[in-house]
C-alpha atoms as a PDB file:
ATOM      1  CA  UNK A   1     -32.144 -60.991 -55.139  1.00  0.00           C
ATOM      2  CA  UNK A   2     -30.372 -61.285 -51.798  1.00  0.00           C
ATOM      3  CA  UNK A   3     -27.052 -63.045 -51.279  1.00  0.00           C
ATOM      4  CA  UNK A   4     -24.596 -63.702 -48.445  1.00  0.00           C
ATOM      5  CA  UNK A   5     -21.088 -62.310 -48.814  1.00  0.00           C
ATOM      6  CA  UNK A   6     -18.465 -64.062 -46.705  1.00  0.00           C
ATOM      7  CA  UNK A   7     -15.767 -61.685 -45.522  1.00  0.00           C
ATOM      8  CA  UNK A   8     -12.819 -62.072 -43.143  1.00  0.00           C
ATOM      9  CA  UNK A   9     -14.606 -60.024 -40.454  1.00  0.00           C
ATOM     10  CA  UNK A  10     -18.123 -61.450 -40.857  1.00  0.00           C
ATOM     11  CA  UNK A  11     -20.916 -61.858 -43.363  1.00  0.00           C
ATOM     12  CA  UNK A  12     -22.421 -59.013 -45.373  1.00  0.00           C
ATOM     13  CA  UNK A  13     -25.674 -59.076 -47.336  1.00  0.00           C
ATOM     14  CA  UNK A  14     -25.753 -58.184 -51.019  1.00  0.00           C
ATOM     15  CA  UNK A  15     -28.871 -57.017 -52.841  1.00  0.00           C
ATOM     16  CA  UNK A  16     -29.632 -56.728 -56.553  1.00  0.00           C
ATOM     17  CA  UNK A  17     -32.968 -55.135 -57.402  1.00  0.00           C
ATOM     18  CA  UNK A  18     -34.155 -55.353 -61.000  1.00  0.00           C
ATOM     19  CA  UNK A  19     -35.471 -51.908 -61.878  1.00  0.00           C
ATOM     20  CA  UNK A  20     -36.493 -52.689 -65.443  1.00  0.00           C
ATOM     21  CA  UNK A  21     -33.315 -53.014 -67.453  1.00  0.00           C
ATOM     22  CA  UNK A  22     -30.949 -51.819 -64.749  1.00  0.00           C
ATOM     23  CA  UNK A  23     -29.915 -53.406 -61.464  1.00  0.00           C
ATOM     24  CA  UNK A  24     -29.836 -51.359 -58.266  1.00  0.00           C
ATOM     25  CA  UNK A  25     -26.937 -52.891 -56.325  1.00  0.00           C
ATOM     26  CA  UNK A  26     -25.766 -52.571 -52.753  1.00  0.00           C
ATOM     27  CA  UNK A  27     -24.198 -54.575 -49.954  1.00  0.00           C
ATOM     28  CA  UNK A  28     -24.433 -53.922 -46.241  1.00  0.00           C
ATOM     29  CA  UNK A  29     -22.896 -55.138 -43.016  1.00  0.00           C
ATOM     30  CA  UNK A  30     -25.635 -53.526 -40.945  1.00  0.00           C
ATOM     31  CA  UNK A  31     -23.127 -50.860 -39.889  1.00  0.00           C
ATOM     32  CA  UNK A  32     -22.464 -49.446 -43.368  1.00  0.00           C
ATOM     33  CA  UNK A  33     -22.860 -50.049 -47.081  1.00  0.00           C
ATOM     34  CA  UNK A  34     -21.259 -50.029 -50.506  1.00  0.00           C
ATOM     35  CA  UNK A  35     -23.463 -49.224 -53.468  1.00  0.00           C
ATOM     36  CA  UNK A  36     -23.795 -48.478 -57.159  1.00  0.00           C
ATOM     37  CA  UNK A  37     -24.200 -44.948 -58.514  1.00  0.00           C
ATOM     38  CA  UNK A  38     -27.948 -44.882 -57.790  1.00  0.00           C
ATOM     39  CA  UNK A  39     -27.262 -44.047 -54.124  1.00  0.00           C
ATOM     40  CA  UNK A  40     -26.464 -40.659 -52.599  1.00  0.00           C
ATOM     41  CA  UNK A  41     -23.773 -41.584 -50.092  1.00  0.00           C
ATOM     42  CA  UNK A  42     -23.353 -37.968 -48.958  1.00  0.00           C
ATOM     43  CA  UNK A  43     -26.988 -37.879 -47.844  1.00  0.00           C
ATOM     44  CA  UNK A  44     -26.457 -41.020 -45.744  1.00  0.00           C
ATOM     45  CA  UNK A  45     -23.782 -39.192 -43.743  1.00  0.00           C
ATOM     46  CA  UNK A  46     -26.580 -37.075 -42.264  1.00  0.00           C
ATOM     47  CA  UNK A  47     -27.709 -40.255 -40.512  1.00  0.00           C
ATOM     48  CA  UNK A  48     -24.148 -41.023 -39.344  1.00  0.00           C
ATOM     49  CA  UNK A  49     -24.148 -44.023 -41.706  1.00  0.00           C
ATOM     50  CA  UNK A  50     -20.910 -45.042 -43.462  1.00  0.00           C
ATOM     51  CA  UNK A  51     -21.488 -45.374 -47.199  1.00  0.00           C
ATOM     52  CA  UNK A  52     -19.356 -45.804 -50.305  1.00  0.00           C
ATOM     53  CA  UNK A  53     -20.323 -45.451 -53.969  1.00  0.00           C
ATOM     54  CA  UNK A  54     -18.194 -47.634 -56.219  1.00  0.00           C
ATOM     55  CA  UNK A  55     -16.993 -46.826 -59.727  1.00  0.00           C
ATOM     56  CA  UNK A  56     -19.368 -47.603 -62.579  1.00  0.00           C
ATOM     57  CA  UNK A  57     -20.351 -49.526 -64.547  1.00  0.00           C
ATOM     58  CA  UNK A  58     -21.424 -52.380 -62.279  1.00  0.00           C
ATOM     59  CA  UNK A  59     -24.026 -55.010 -63.100  1.00  0.00           C
ATOM     60  CA  UNK A  60     -23.677 -57.627 -60.348  1.00  0.00           C
ATOM     61  CA  UNK A  61     -22.829 -57.960 -56.669  1.00  0.00           C
ATOM     62  CA  UNK A  62     -19.446 -59.386 -57.680  1.00  0.00           C
ATOM     63  CA  UNK A  63     -18.878 -56.200 -59.692  1.00  0.00           C
ATOM     64  CA  UNK A  64     -19.455 -53.895 -56.712  1.00  0.00           C
ATOM     65  CA  UNK A  65     -17.152 -56.027 -54.573  1.00  0.00           C
ATOM     66  CA  UNK A  66     -14.356 -55.748 -57.163  1.00  0.00           C
ATOM     67  CA  UNK A  67     -14.886 -52.087 -58.122  1.00  0.00           C
ATOM     68  CA  UNK A  68     -12.812 -49.304 -56.589  1.00  0.00           C
ATOM     69  CA  UNK A  69     -14.471 -46.770 -54.312  1.00  0.00           C
ATOM     70  CA  UNK A  70     -15.457 -43.621 -56.213  1.00  0.00           C
ATOM     71  CA  UNK A  71     -17.106 -41.591 -53.438  1.00  0.00           C
ATOM     72  CA  UNK A  72     -16.752 -42.018 -49.690  1.00  0.00           C
ATOM     73  CA  UNK A  73     -18.841 -40.131 -47.191  1.00  0.00           C
ATOM     74  CA  UNK A  74     -17.078 -38.617 -44.154  1.00  0.00           C
ATOM     75  CA  UNK A  75     -18.462 -41.281 -41.809  1.00  0.00           C
ATOM     76  CA  UNK A  76     -16.905 -44.029 -43.955  1.00  0.00           C
ATOM     77  CA  UNK A  77     -13.633 -42.099 -44.145  1.00  0.00           C
ATOM     78  CA  UNK A  78     -13.484 -42.138 -40.324  1.00  0.00           C
ATOM     79  CA  UNK A  79     -13.327 -45.946 -40.556  1.00  0.00           C
ATOM     80  CA  UNK A  80     -10.152 -45.677 -42.663  1.00  0.00           C
ATOM     81  CA  UNK A  81     -11.825 -46.249 -46.026  1.00  0.00           C
ATOM     82  CA  UNK A  82     -10.114 -44.666 -49.044  1.00  0.00           C
ATOM     83  CA  UNK A  83     -10.650 -44.512 -52.802  1.00  0.00           C
ATOM     84  CA  UNK A  84      -7.740 -46.942 -53.226  1.00  0.00           C
ATOM     85  CA  UNK A  85      -9.922 -49.740 -51.808  1.00  0.00           C
ATOM     86  CA  UNK A  86     -12.232 -52.192 -53.507  1.00  0.00           C
ATOM     87  CA  UNK A  87     -15.828 -52.564 -52.408  1.00  0.00           C
ATOM     88  CA  UNK A  88     -14.891 -55.791 -50.600  1.00  0.00           C
ATOM     89  CA  UNK A  89     -12.102 -54.028 -48.681  1.00  0.00           C
ATOM     90  CA  UNK A  90     -14.505 -51.247 -47.716  1.00  0.00           C
ATOM     91  CA  UNK A  91     -17.037 -53.750 -46.364  1.00  0.00           C
ATOM     92  CA  UNK A  92     -14.325 -55.414 -44.263  1.00  0.00           C
ATOM     93  CA  UNK A  93     -13.887 -52.130 -42.355  1.00  0.00           C
ATOM     94  CA  UNK A  94     -17.633 -51.770 -41.742  1.00  0.00           C
ATOM     95  CA  UNK A  95     -17.912 -54.357 -38.948  1.00  0.00           C
END
């Protein structure tokens, strides 16, 4: 499932992929992403791509927007993203 996420700085895209009893969740601005625990955000830094893994458990796009950041790759940190931020706040800095 794909959904639009209206933010102050633009519109992000949220994705929920049913993987047989578990949802793989992420949202992207095109410049960076927030995601559930299924993603390796450190590996995405090798591609100079800002990425944040939010705290679990999350089951919906609304959950990842409300959850606090648990892991931030160095590229995302350069944008001013911290673990004190929610997924929504992280996305706002990825425009």
